[in-house]
N, C-alpha and C. Protein backbone atom coordinates (compact mmCIF):
# COMPACT_ATOMS: atom_id res chain seq x y z
N MET A 1 40.46 77.47 89.43
CA MET A 1 41.08 77.94 90.67
C MET A 1 42.60 77.62 90.61
N GLU A 2 43.40 78.65 90.67
CA GLU A 2 44.85 78.48 90.62
C GLU A 2 45.35 77.86 91.95
N THR A 3 46.33 76.98 91.86
CA THR A 3 46.92 76.46 93.06
C THR A 3 47.77 77.52 93.77
N THR A 4 47.98 77.32 95.06
CA THR A 4 48.76 78.27 95.83
C THR A 4 50.17 78.40 95.26
N LEU A 5 50.75 77.28 94.86
CA LEU A 5 52.11 77.33 94.27
C LEU A 5 52.17 78.19 93.00
N GLN A 6 51.09 78.03 92.18
CA GLN A 6 51.01 78.85 90.99
C GLN A 6 50.90 80.33 91.30
N LEU A 7 50.17 80.64 92.39
CA LEU A 7 50.01 82.05 92.80
C LEU A 7 51.34 82.62 93.30
N ILE A 8 52.13 81.78 93.96
CA ILE A 8 53.48 82.24 94.41
C ILE A 8 54.33 82.50 93.15
N TYR A 9 54.31 81.55 92.26
CA TYR A 9 55.10 81.61 90.98
C TYR A 9 54.74 82.93 90.23
N ASP A 10 53.42 83.15 90.06
CA ASP A 10 52.96 84.34 89.31
C ASP A 10 53.30 85.60 90.07
N GLY A 11 53.18 85.56 91.41
CA GLY A 11 53.45 86.73 92.23
C GLY A 11 54.90 87.18 92.11
N ILE A 12 55.83 86.22 92.03
CA ILE A 12 57.24 86.51 91.89
C ILE A 12 57.48 87.16 90.53
N ILE A 13 56.99 86.55 89.48
CA ILE A 13 57.21 87.10 88.14
C ILE A 13 56.63 88.49 88.01
N GLU A 14 55.49 88.71 88.65
CA GLU A 14 54.84 90.06 88.60
C GLU A 14 55.41 91.03 89.61
N GLY A 15 56.28 90.55 90.49
CA GLY A 15 56.84 91.41 91.52
C GLY A 15 55.89 91.84 92.59
N ASP A 16 54.87 91.01 92.83
CA ASP A 16 53.81 91.30 93.80
C ASP A 16 54.20 90.76 95.19
N GLN A 17 54.93 91.61 95.98
CA GLN A 17 55.40 91.15 97.25
C GLN A 17 54.32 90.66 98.22
N PRO A 18 53.22 91.42 98.40
CA PRO A 18 52.19 90.96 99.34
C PRO A 18 51.58 89.60 98.96
N ALA A 19 51.38 89.43 97.64
CA ALA A 19 50.80 88.17 97.15
C ALA A 19 51.75 87.00 97.42
N VAL A 20 53.05 87.22 97.21
CA VAL A 20 54.02 86.15 97.48
C VAL A 20 54.05 85.79 98.94
N SER A 21 54.14 86.78 99.79
CA SER A 21 54.16 86.50 101.26
C SER A 21 52.91 85.77 101.70
N GLU A 22 51.76 86.30 101.31
CA GLU A 22 50.49 85.74 101.69
C GLU A 22 50.36 84.25 101.24
N ASN A 23 50.79 83.99 99.99
CA ASN A 23 50.61 82.62 99.48
C ASN A 23 51.66 81.64 99.99
N VAL A 24 52.85 82.12 100.31
CA VAL A 24 53.85 81.27 100.97
C VAL A 24 53.26 80.81 102.30
N ARG A 25 52.69 81.75 103.08
CA ARG A 25 52.09 81.36 104.37
C ARG A 25 50.94 80.40 104.18
N LYS A 26 50.15 80.70 103.17
CA LYS A 26 48.96 79.80 102.84
C LYS A 26 49.43 78.40 102.48
N ALA A 27 50.46 78.33 101.64
CA ALA A 27 50.94 77.02 101.23
C ALA A 27 51.46 76.20 102.43
N LEU A 28 52.16 76.87 103.35
CA LEU A 28 52.66 76.23 104.56
C LEU A 28 51.46 75.77 105.43
N ASP A 29 50.45 76.63 105.56
CA ASP A 29 49.25 76.27 106.34
C ASP A 29 48.54 75.07 105.70
N GLU A 30 48.57 74.99 104.39
CA GLU A 30 47.96 73.85 103.69
C GLU A 30 48.77 72.54 103.81
N GLY A 31 49.96 72.70 104.40
CA GLY A 31 50.78 71.48 104.60
C GLY A 31 51.70 71.19 103.42
N THR A 32 51.89 72.12 102.55
CA THR A 32 52.82 71.89 101.40
C THR A 32 54.25 71.86 101.94
N PRO A 33 55.01 70.85 101.58
CA PRO A 33 56.41 70.75 102.09
C PRO A 33 57.19 71.99 101.69
N PRO A 34 57.98 72.54 102.58
CA PRO A 34 58.77 73.75 102.24
C PRO A 34 59.67 73.59 101.05
N ALA A 35 60.25 72.38 100.83
CA ALA A 35 61.12 72.15 99.68
C ALA A 35 60.31 72.25 98.39
N THR A 36 59.03 71.83 98.43
CA THR A 36 58.18 71.91 97.26
C THR A 36 57.92 73.37 96.93
N ILE A 37 57.60 74.16 97.94
CA ILE A 37 57.34 75.60 97.75
C ILE A 37 58.64 76.24 97.11
N LEU A 38 59.77 75.91 97.70
CA LEU A 38 61.02 76.51 97.22
C LEU A 38 61.28 76.09 95.77
N ASN A 39 61.22 74.82 95.50
CA ASN A 39 61.63 74.31 94.17
C ASN A 39 60.63 74.57 93.07
N GLN A 40 59.35 74.21 93.35
CA GLN A 40 58.32 74.29 92.28
C GLN A 40 57.77 75.68 92.05
N ALA A 41 57.79 76.53 93.12
CA ALA A 41 57.26 77.86 92.95
C ALA A 41 58.34 78.91 92.83
N MET A 42 59.23 78.98 93.81
CA MET A 42 60.16 80.09 93.89
C MET A 42 61.36 79.93 92.92
N ILE A 43 62.05 78.82 93.01
CA ILE A 43 63.19 78.62 92.11
C ILE A 43 62.74 78.58 90.64
N ALA A 44 61.59 77.93 90.44
CA ALA A 44 61.06 77.85 89.08
C ALA A 44 60.72 79.24 88.54
N ALA A 45 60.16 80.12 89.39
CA ALA A 45 59.80 81.46 88.96
C ALA A 45 61.06 82.27 88.65
N MET A 46 62.09 82.14 89.49
CA MET A 46 63.30 82.90 89.24
C MET A 46 64.02 82.43 87.98
N LYS A 47 63.90 81.12 87.69
CA LYS A 47 64.47 80.59 86.44
C LYS A 47 63.74 81.27 85.24
N GLU A 48 62.42 81.39 85.36
CA GLU A 48 61.65 82.03 84.31
C GLU A 48 62.02 83.50 84.17
N VAL A 49 62.21 84.19 85.30
CA VAL A 49 62.63 85.59 85.25
C VAL A 49 63.98 85.69 84.54
N GLY A 50 64.93 84.82 84.90
CA GLY A 50 66.24 84.81 84.24
C GLY A 50 66.14 84.58 82.76
N SER A 51 65.26 83.65 82.38
CA SER A 51 65.05 83.31 80.98
C SER A 51 64.50 84.51 80.21
N ARG A 52 63.50 85.19 80.83
CA ARG A 52 62.90 86.37 80.16
C ARG A 52 63.92 87.49 80.01
N PHE A 53 64.82 87.60 81.02
CA PHE A 53 65.88 88.61 80.93
C PHE A 53 66.81 88.33 79.75
N GLU A 54 67.24 87.05 79.65
CA GLU A 54 68.11 86.65 78.56
C GLU A 54 67.50 86.86 77.19
N GLN A 55 66.18 86.73 77.12
CA GLN A 55 65.46 86.84 75.84
C GLN A 55 65.14 88.35 75.52
N GLY A 56 65.44 89.22 76.51
CA GLY A 56 65.15 90.64 76.29
C GLY A 56 63.74 91.06 76.60
N ASP A 57 62.95 90.17 77.23
CA ASP A 57 61.58 90.49 77.60
C ASP A 57 61.55 91.22 78.97
N PHE A 58 62.54 90.93 79.81
CA PHE A 58 62.69 91.60 81.10
C PHE A 58 64.00 92.42 81.10
N TYR A 59 64.02 93.49 81.86
CA TYR A 59 65.25 94.28 82.04
C TYR A 59 65.63 94.28 83.52
N VAL A 60 66.67 94.97 83.88
CA VAL A 60 67.14 94.92 85.26
C VAL A 60 66.05 95.35 86.25
N PRO A 61 65.28 96.42 86.01
CA PRO A 61 64.22 96.78 87.00
C PRO A 61 63.25 95.67 87.26
N GLU A 62 62.79 94.96 86.20
CA GLU A 62 61.86 93.83 86.39
C GLU A 62 62.49 92.69 87.17
N MET A 63 63.75 92.44 86.87
CA MET A 63 64.49 91.42 87.63
C MET A 63 64.58 91.76 89.10
N LEU A 64 64.89 93.04 89.38
CA LEU A 64 65.03 93.49 90.79
C LEU A 64 63.68 93.37 91.51
N ILE A 65 62.60 93.77 90.85
CA ILE A 65 61.27 93.69 91.49
C ILE A 65 60.89 92.26 91.76
N ALA A 66 61.16 91.38 90.81
CA ALA A 66 60.80 89.97 90.99
C ALA A 66 61.67 89.36 92.08
N ALA A 67 62.97 89.72 92.11
CA ALA A 67 63.87 89.15 93.13
C ALA A 67 63.49 89.64 94.53
N ARG A 68 63.06 90.88 94.63
CA ARG A 68 62.64 91.40 95.96
C ARG A 68 61.34 90.68 96.42
N ALA A 69 60.42 90.45 95.51
CA ALA A 69 59.21 89.68 95.85
C ALA A 69 59.57 88.27 96.31
N MET A 70 60.52 87.66 95.63
CA MET A 70 60.99 86.33 95.98
C MET A 70 61.59 86.34 97.40
N GLN A 71 62.38 87.41 97.68
CA GLN A 71 62.99 87.47 99.02
C GLN A 71 62.03 87.60 100.13
N HIS A 72 60.91 88.29 99.89
CA HIS A 72 59.87 88.40 100.91
C HIS A 72 59.32 87.00 101.24
N GLY A 73 59.11 86.20 100.19
CA GLY A 73 58.63 84.85 100.42
C GLY A 73 59.67 83.99 101.12
N LEU A 74 60.91 84.17 100.72
CA LEU A 74 62.02 83.42 101.27
C LEU A 74 62.21 83.68 102.73
N ALA A 75 61.97 84.90 103.17
CA ALA A 75 62.12 85.30 104.56
C ALA A 75 61.16 84.47 105.44
N ILE A 76 59.99 84.18 104.91
CA ILE A 76 58.99 83.37 105.64
C ILE A 76 59.41 81.89 105.57
N LEU A 77 59.95 81.49 104.43
CA LEU A 77 60.27 80.07 104.22
C LEU A 77 61.53 79.60 104.88
N LYS A 78 62.53 80.52 105.00
CA LYS A 78 63.86 80.12 105.54
C LYS A 78 63.81 79.38 106.84
N PRO A 79 63.14 79.94 107.89
CA PRO A 79 63.12 79.21 109.17
C PRO A 79 62.54 77.80 109.08
N VAL A 80 61.54 77.67 108.21
CA VAL A 80 60.92 76.34 108.02
C VAL A 80 61.86 75.39 107.30
N LEU A 81 62.59 75.93 106.31
CA LEU A 81 63.55 75.11 105.55
C LEU A 81 64.65 74.64 106.49
N LYS A 82 65.08 75.53 107.41
CA LYS A 82 66.13 75.13 108.39
C LYS A 82 65.63 74.02 109.27
N GLN A 83 64.41 74.18 109.76
CA GLN A 83 63.82 73.09 110.65
C GLN A 83 63.73 71.78 109.89
N ALA A 84 63.36 71.87 108.59
CA ALA A 84 63.24 70.67 107.81
C ALA A 84 64.59 70.13 107.30
N ASP A 85 65.68 70.88 107.62
CA ASP A 85 67.04 70.53 107.25
C ASP A 85 67.16 70.35 105.74
N ILE A 86 66.59 71.28 105.00
CA ILE A 86 66.71 71.23 103.54
C ILE A 86 68.07 71.73 103.12
N LYS A 87 68.78 70.96 102.30
CA LYS A 87 70.16 71.31 101.92
C LYS A 87 70.11 72.38 100.81
N SER A 88 70.97 73.40 100.95
CA SER A 88 70.97 74.45 99.95
C SER A 88 71.73 73.95 98.72
N THR A 89 71.58 74.72 97.62
CA THR A 89 72.28 74.40 96.35
C THR A 89 73.79 74.50 96.57
N GLY A 90 74.17 75.45 97.39
CA GLY A 90 75.56 75.70 97.68
C GLY A 90 75.68 76.98 98.48
N LYS A 91 76.90 77.31 98.89
CA LYS A 91 77.07 78.54 99.66
C LYS A 91 77.99 79.48 98.86
N ALA A 92 77.57 80.76 98.78
CA ALA A 92 78.33 81.73 98.01
C ALA A 92 78.67 82.95 98.90
N VAL A 93 79.91 83.38 98.85
CA VAL A 93 80.34 84.67 99.46
C VAL A 93 80.48 85.64 98.32
N ILE A 94 79.81 86.79 98.44
CA ILE A 94 79.90 87.77 97.34
C ILE A 94 80.26 89.16 97.90
N GLY A 95 80.86 90.00 97.05
CA GLY A 95 81.21 91.34 97.49
C GLY A 95 81.76 92.16 96.33
N THR A 96 81.66 93.49 96.46
CA THR A 96 82.28 94.36 95.50
C THR A 96 83.71 94.64 96.00
N VAL A 97 84.69 94.61 95.08
CA VAL A 97 86.08 94.69 95.53
C VAL A 97 86.49 96.03 96.07
N LYS A 98 87.67 96.02 96.71
CA LYS A 98 88.22 97.23 97.34
C LYS A 98 88.21 98.45 96.42
N GLY A 99 87.77 99.58 96.95
CA GLY A 99 87.78 100.85 96.16
C GLY A 99 86.55 101.07 95.35
N ASP A 100 85.66 100.07 95.30
CA ASP A 100 84.44 100.18 94.45
C ASP A 100 83.20 100.13 95.35
N LEU A 101 82.32 101.14 95.20
CA LEU A 101 81.14 101.22 96.05
C LEU A 101 79.84 100.87 95.33
N HIS A 102 79.96 100.35 94.11
CA HIS A 102 78.75 100.00 93.33
C HIS A 102 78.18 98.68 93.88
N ASP A 103 76.85 98.66 94.01
CA ASP A 103 76.32 97.44 94.57
C ASP A 103 75.02 96.92 93.92
N ILE A 104 74.50 97.61 92.93
CA ILE A 104 73.20 97.16 92.33
C ILE A 104 73.40 95.79 91.68
N GLY A 105 74.45 95.64 90.86
CA GLY A 105 74.69 94.36 90.18
C GLY A 105 74.97 93.25 91.18
N LYS A 106 75.79 93.54 92.18
CA LYS A 106 76.11 92.55 93.23
C LYS A 106 74.83 92.11 93.97
N ASN A 107 74.00 93.11 94.34
CA ASN A 107 72.79 92.81 95.08
C ASN A 107 71.84 91.97 94.24
N LEU A 108 71.78 92.21 92.99
CA LEU A 108 70.89 91.44 92.09
C LEU A 108 71.45 90.02 91.99
N VAL A 109 72.74 89.88 91.82
CA VAL A 109 73.33 88.51 91.76
C VAL A 109 73.02 87.77 93.09
N GLY A 110 73.15 88.44 94.23
CA GLY A 110 72.87 87.83 95.52
C GLY A 110 71.44 87.34 95.60
N MET A 111 70.49 88.19 95.16
CA MET A 111 69.08 87.85 95.21
C MET A 111 68.78 86.68 94.26
N MET A 112 69.37 86.75 93.07
CA MET A 112 69.12 85.66 92.10
C MET A 112 69.72 84.33 92.60
N LEU A 113 70.85 84.40 93.26
CA LEU A 113 71.45 83.18 93.84
C LEU A 113 70.55 82.61 94.94
N GLU A 114 70.05 83.50 95.77
CA GLU A 114 69.11 83.03 96.84
C GLU A 114 67.90 82.40 96.20
N GLY A 115 67.43 83.01 95.13
CA GLY A 115 66.27 82.45 94.41
C GLY A 115 66.52 81.10 93.80
N ALA A 116 67.80 80.78 93.61
CA ALA A 116 68.15 79.48 93.05
C ALA A 116 68.53 78.47 94.16
N GLY A 117 68.27 78.87 95.41
CA GLY A 117 68.49 77.96 96.52
C GLY A 117 69.87 78.03 97.16
N PHE A 118 70.67 79.04 96.83
CA PHE A 118 71.99 79.21 97.42
C PHE A 118 71.87 79.92 98.80
N GLU A 119 72.78 79.59 99.67
CA GLU A 119 72.99 80.37 100.91
C GLU A 119 73.98 81.42 100.56
N VAL A 120 73.62 82.69 100.75
CA VAL A 120 74.46 83.79 100.32
C VAL A 120 74.96 84.62 101.49
N VAL A 121 76.28 84.84 101.51
CA VAL A 121 76.88 85.76 102.47
C VAL A 121 77.38 86.99 101.69
N ASP A 122 76.71 88.11 101.91
CA ASP A 122 77.04 89.33 101.17
C ASP A 122 77.93 90.23 102.02
N LEU A 123 79.14 90.43 101.58
CA LEU A 123 80.12 91.24 102.34
C LEU A 123 79.98 92.71 102.07
N GLY A 124 79.12 93.11 101.12
CA GLY A 124 78.91 94.50 100.83
C GLY A 124 79.88 95.03 99.77
N THR A 125 80.22 96.34 99.90
CA THR A 125 81.10 96.93 98.93
C THR A 125 82.44 97.28 99.53
N ASP A 126 83.42 97.69 98.69
CA ASP A 126 84.76 98.10 99.16
C ASP A 126 85.39 97.04 100.03
N VAL A 127 85.32 95.79 99.58
CA VAL A 127 85.84 94.66 100.39
C VAL A 127 87.31 94.39 100.03
N SER A 128 88.16 94.43 101.01
CA SER A 128 89.60 94.20 100.77
C SER A 128 89.89 92.73 100.49
N PRO A 129 91.03 92.46 99.83
CA PRO A 129 91.42 91.06 99.62
C PRO A 129 91.41 90.25 100.93
N SER A 130 91.90 90.87 102.02
CA SER A 130 91.92 90.14 103.31
C SER A 130 90.51 89.90 103.83
N GLY A 131 89.60 90.80 103.49
CA GLY A 131 88.18 90.62 103.86
C GLY A 131 87.58 89.37 103.24
N PHE A 132 87.91 89.15 101.94
CA PHE A 132 87.47 87.95 101.26
C PHE A 132 88.11 86.71 101.87
N VAL A 133 89.43 86.81 102.13
CA VAL A 133 90.15 85.66 102.75
C VAL A 133 89.50 85.27 104.09
N ASP A 134 89.23 86.25 104.93
CA ASP A 134 88.62 86.01 106.25
C ASP A 134 87.24 85.33 106.08
N ALA A 135 86.47 85.83 105.10
CA ALA A 135 85.12 85.29 104.86
C ALA A 135 85.17 83.86 104.39
N VAL A 136 86.17 83.52 103.55
CA VAL A 136 86.28 82.16 103.06
C VAL A 136 86.63 81.23 104.22
N ARG A 137 87.54 81.69 105.11
CA ARG A 137 87.93 80.86 106.26
C ARG A 137 86.69 80.68 107.19
N LYS A 138 85.93 81.72 107.38
CA LYS A 138 84.85 81.68 108.34
C LYS A 138 83.65 80.92 107.83
N HIS A 139 83.25 81.17 106.55
CA HIS A 139 81.99 80.64 106.05
C HIS A 139 82.18 79.36 105.20
N GLU A 140 83.39 79.06 104.76
CA GLU A 140 83.69 77.87 103.93
C GLU A 140 82.72 77.76 102.73
N PRO A 141 82.66 78.75 101.92
CA PRO A 141 81.75 78.73 100.77
C PRO A 141 82.22 77.84 99.63
N ASP A 142 81.32 77.52 98.75
CA ASP A 142 81.70 76.80 97.53
C ASP A 142 82.19 77.79 96.45
N VAL A 143 81.59 78.93 96.47
CA VAL A 143 81.86 79.95 95.43
C VAL A 143 82.14 81.31 96.06
N VAL A 144 83.07 82.06 95.48
CA VAL A 144 83.29 83.44 95.83
C VAL A 144 82.99 84.30 94.60
N GLY A 145 82.12 85.29 94.75
CA GLY A 145 81.77 86.17 93.61
C GLY A 145 82.34 87.56 93.85
N LEU A 146 83.16 88.02 92.91
CA LEU A 146 83.79 89.33 92.99
C LEU A 146 83.18 90.24 91.94
N SER A 147 82.76 91.43 92.39
CA SER A 147 82.12 92.42 91.48
C SER A 147 82.98 93.67 91.39
N ALA A 148 83.04 94.27 90.20
CA ALA A 148 83.70 95.57 90.02
C ALA A 148 82.99 96.29 88.88
N LEU A 149 82.77 97.56 89.06
CA LEU A 149 82.12 98.34 87.99
C LEU A 149 83.08 99.37 87.40
N LEU A 150 84.21 99.56 88.04
CA LEU A 150 85.19 100.54 87.59
C LEU A 150 86.42 99.86 87.03
N THR A 151 86.96 100.35 85.90
CA THR A 151 88.21 99.77 85.41
C THR A 151 89.35 99.95 86.41
N THR A 152 89.28 101.01 87.19
CA THR A 152 90.35 101.28 88.18
C THR A 152 90.34 100.30 89.34
N THR A 153 89.19 99.62 89.56
CA THR A 153 89.16 98.65 90.69
C THR A 153 89.32 97.19 90.22
N MET A 154 89.31 97.01 88.92
CA MET A 154 89.49 95.63 88.38
C MET A 154 90.76 94.96 88.90
N PRO A 155 91.89 95.65 89.02
CA PRO A 155 93.07 94.97 89.54
C PRO A 155 92.92 94.36 90.93
N ASN A 156 91.96 94.89 91.70
CA ASN A 156 91.71 94.34 93.04
C ASN A 156 91.06 92.95 92.99
N MET A 157 90.51 92.60 91.83
CA MET A 157 90.05 91.22 91.68
C MET A 157 91.23 90.30 91.64
N LYS A 158 92.23 90.68 90.86
CA LYS A 158 93.49 89.88 90.76
C LYS A 158 94.12 89.79 92.12
N MET A 159 94.18 90.90 92.84
CA MET A 159 94.84 90.91 94.18
C MET A 159 94.06 90.01 95.15
N THR A 160 92.76 89.96 95.01
CA THR A 160 91.96 89.09 95.86
C THR A 160 92.25 87.61 95.60
N ILE A 161 92.36 87.25 94.35
CA ILE A 161 92.68 85.87 93.99
C ILE A 161 94.08 85.51 94.49
N GLU A 162 94.99 86.45 94.33
CA GLU A 162 96.35 86.21 94.85
C GLU A 162 96.36 86.08 96.36
N ALA A 163 95.55 86.87 97.04
CA ALA A 163 95.47 86.78 98.52
C ALA A 163 94.92 85.42 98.94
N LEU A 164 93.98 84.87 98.20
CA LEU A 164 93.43 83.55 98.49
C LEU A 164 94.54 82.48 98.28
N GLU A 165 95.35 82.69 97.25
CA GLU A 165 96.47 81.75 96.98
C GLU A 165 97.50 81.80 98.12
N GLU A 166 97.85 83.05 98.50
CA GLU A 166 98.88 83.24 99.56
C GLU A 166 98.41 82.64 100.88
N ALA A 167 97.06 82.72 101.10
CA ALA A 167 96.52 82.17 102.34
C ALA A 167 96.37 80.65 102.30
N GLY A 168 96.64 80.09 101.14
CA GLY A 168 96.57 78.59 100.98
C GLY A 168 95.16 78.06 100.90
N ILE A 169 94.19 78.92 100.49
CA ILE A 169 92.79 78.48 100.47
C ILE A 169 92.16 78.62 99.08
N ARG A 170 92.97 78.98 98.10
CA ARG A 170 92.42 79.19 96.74
C ARG A 170 91.76 77.93 96.20
N ASP A 171 92.33 76.76 96.52
CA ASP A 171 91.80 75.53 95.96
C ASP A 171 90.51 75.07 96.67
N ARG A 172 90.12 75.77 97.72
CA ARG A 172 88.91 75.39 98.42
C ARG A 172 87.64 75.95 97.77
N VAL A 173 87.82 77.03 96.97
CA VAL A 173 86.68 77.72 96.41
C VAL A 173 86.79 77.96 94.91
N LYS A 174 85.68 78.14 94.28
CA LYS A 174 85.61 78.56 92.90
C LYS A 174 85.37 80.08 92.89
N VAL A 175 86.14 80.81 92.11
CA VAL A 175 86.03 82.27 92.06
C VAL A 175 85.38 82.68 90.75
N MET A 176 84.27 83.45 90.84
CA MET A 176 83.60 83.99 89.66
C MET A 176 83.60 85.50 89.75
N ILE A 177 83.72 86.15 88.58
CA ILE A 177 83.81 87.59 88.59
C ILE A 177 82.78 88.18 87.62
N GLY A 178 82.44 89.45 87.84
CA GLY A 178 81.48 90.11 86.96
C GLY A 178 81.45 91.62 87.21
N GLY A 179 80.77 92.30 86.29
CA GLY A 179 80.71 93.76 86.34
C GLY A 179 80.84 94.35 84.95
N ALA A 180 80.40 95.55 84.77
CA ALA A 180 80.38 96.16 83.41
C ALA A 180 81.65 96.04 82.64
N PRO A 181 82.86 96.34 83.21
CA PRO A 181 84.04 96.31 82.36
C PRO A 181 84.71 94.93 82.25
N ILE A 182 84.14 93.95 82.92
CA ILE A 182 84.79 92.60 82.97
C ILE A 182 84.51 91.80 81.70
N THR A 183 85.51 91.06 81.30
CA THR A 183 85.36 90.17 80.11
C THR A 183 85.81 88.76 80.46
N GLU A 184 85.47 87.85 79.57
CA GLU A 184 85.93 86.48 79.72
C GLU A 184 87.46 86.38 79.68
N GLY A 185 88.04 87.21 78.79
CA GLY A 185 89.52 87.25 78.67
C GLY A 185 90.16 87.67 80.00
N TYR A 186 89.57 88.68 80.65
CA TYR A 186 90.15 89.16 81.91
C TYR A 186 90.08 88.08 82.98
N ALA A 187 88.94 87.37 83.03
CA ALA A 187 88.78 86.31 83.97
C ALA A 187 89.87 85.23 83.83
N LEU A 188 90.15 84.87 82.56
CA LEU A 188 91.23 83.90 82.26
C LEU A 188 92.58 84.46 82.72
N GLN A 189 92.78 85.73 82.39
CA GLN A 189 94.05 86.41 82.67
C GLN A 189 94.42 86.43 84.16
N ILE A 190 93.39 86.60 85.03
CA ILE A 190 93.67 86.73 86.47
C ILE A 190 93.50 85.42 87.25
N GLY A 191 93.10 84.35 86.49
CA GLY A 191 93.00 83.07 87.13
C GLY A 191 91.66 82.81 87.82
N ALA A 192 90.58 83.53 87.42
CA ALA A 192 89.28 83.24 87.95
C ALA A 192 88.68 81.97 87.33
N ASP A 193 87.73 81.36 87.96
CA ASP A 193 87.14 80.11 87.42
C ASP A 193 86.02 80.38 86.45
N GLY A 194 85.56 81.61 86.41
CA GLY A 194 84.47 81.93 85.52
C GLY A 194 84.07 83.39 85.55
N TYR A 195 83.31 83.77 84.48
CA TYR A 195 82.87 85.14 84.36
C TYR A 195 81.43 85.12 83.87
N SER A 196 80.63 86.06 84.40
CA SER A 196 79.24 86.17 83.94
C SER A 196 78.94 87.60 83.55
N PRO A 197 78.28 87.81 82.41
CA PRO A 197 77.96 89.15 81.97
C PRO A 197 76.74 89.77 82.67
N ASP A 198 75.93 88.89 83.36
CA ASP A 198 74.75 89.44 84.00
C ASP A 198 74.33 88.46 85.17
N ALA A 199 73.33 88.95 85.95
CA ALA A 199 72.94 88.22 87.15
C ALA A 199 72.28 86.84 86.84
N SER A 200 71.55 86.82 85.75
CA SER A 200 70.92 85.56 85.36
C SER A 200 71.92 84.48 85.06
N ARG A 201 72.89 84.83 84.24
CA ARG A 201 73.90 83.82 83.91
C ARG A 201 74.87 83.58 85.06
N ALA A 202 74.90 84.48 86.00
CA ALA A 202 75.75 84.25 87.20
C ALA A 202 75.23 83.05 87.98
N VAL A 203 73.90 82.89 88.01
CA VAL A 203 73.29 81.74 88.69
C VAL A 203 73.67 80.43 88.02
N THR A 204 73.59 80.38 86.70
CA THR A 204 73.95 79.21 85.91
C THR A 204 75.44 78.88 86.17
N LEU A 205 76.28 79.90 86.12
CA LEU A 205 77.72 79.74 86.34
C LEU A 205 78.00 79.21 87.74
N ALA A 206 77.40 79.80 88.75
CA ALA A 206 77.62 79.38 90.11
C ALA A 206 77.24 77.90 90.33
N THR A 207 76.07 77.56 89.75
CA THR A 207 75.59 76.15 89.86
C THR A 207 76.55 75.21 89.20
N THR A 208 77.04 75.57 88.02
CA THR A 208 78.04 74.74 87.29
C THR A 208 79.31 74.59 88.10
N LEU A 209 79.78 75.70 88.66
CA LEU A 209 81.02 75.66 89.46
C LEU A 209 80.88 74.78 90.72
N VAL A 210 79.72 74.86 91.38
CA VAL A 210 79.46 74.00 92.56
C VAL A 210 79.53 72.55 92.17
N HIS A 211 78.90 72.20 91.06
CA HIS A 211 78.84 70.83 90.59
C HIS A 211 80.22 70.31 90.13
N SER A 212 81.09 71.24 89.75
CA SER A 212 82.44 70.84 89.25
C SER A 212 83.44 70.70 90.37
N LYS A 213 83.06 71.07 91.58
CA LYS A 213 84.00 71.03 92.73
C LYS A 213 84.33 69.58 93.07
């Protein structure tokens, strides 16, 4: 007989949303601490999903399906985690920069960060530099994630970092960037704190940046 935690873990990896929701409720009914459900079943499963992606066993569709299943479970768990005052891994503000309406990569990064225990504020697409500045002031995140899929919108990443500097809040946050045309060299060039080529490694990067603050 598989434990309820194992069923949640398996359900996330298989992208089985009903199974994840049902077993998160069951685990809570059984008296399993919410932090245990989060860490041992959900975060562990998303780590495995990330690992399979990096090894080439999973592709973006499988990651999306797994992340959506995880989010269904998280929706049930979040209120209980808040009541139990469980501390998140960190807080991240993410968005696609001004002029760019692409959101699949950003959405996946957001879901993967949530799966790793981050509190995520998603600003959506076409976010102006001032929009990021306002969000940093309001939400006081540890990390800001900037996404761009077009070479024509890449300069808006630089403008966003400059806007954070002009506002006097650049030193409060770590800035990470990503998207198809982005490179490590570009991240260094514009003064970002890090770059990730995909959603799985974005989680590792964000965690590292939070710990380095």
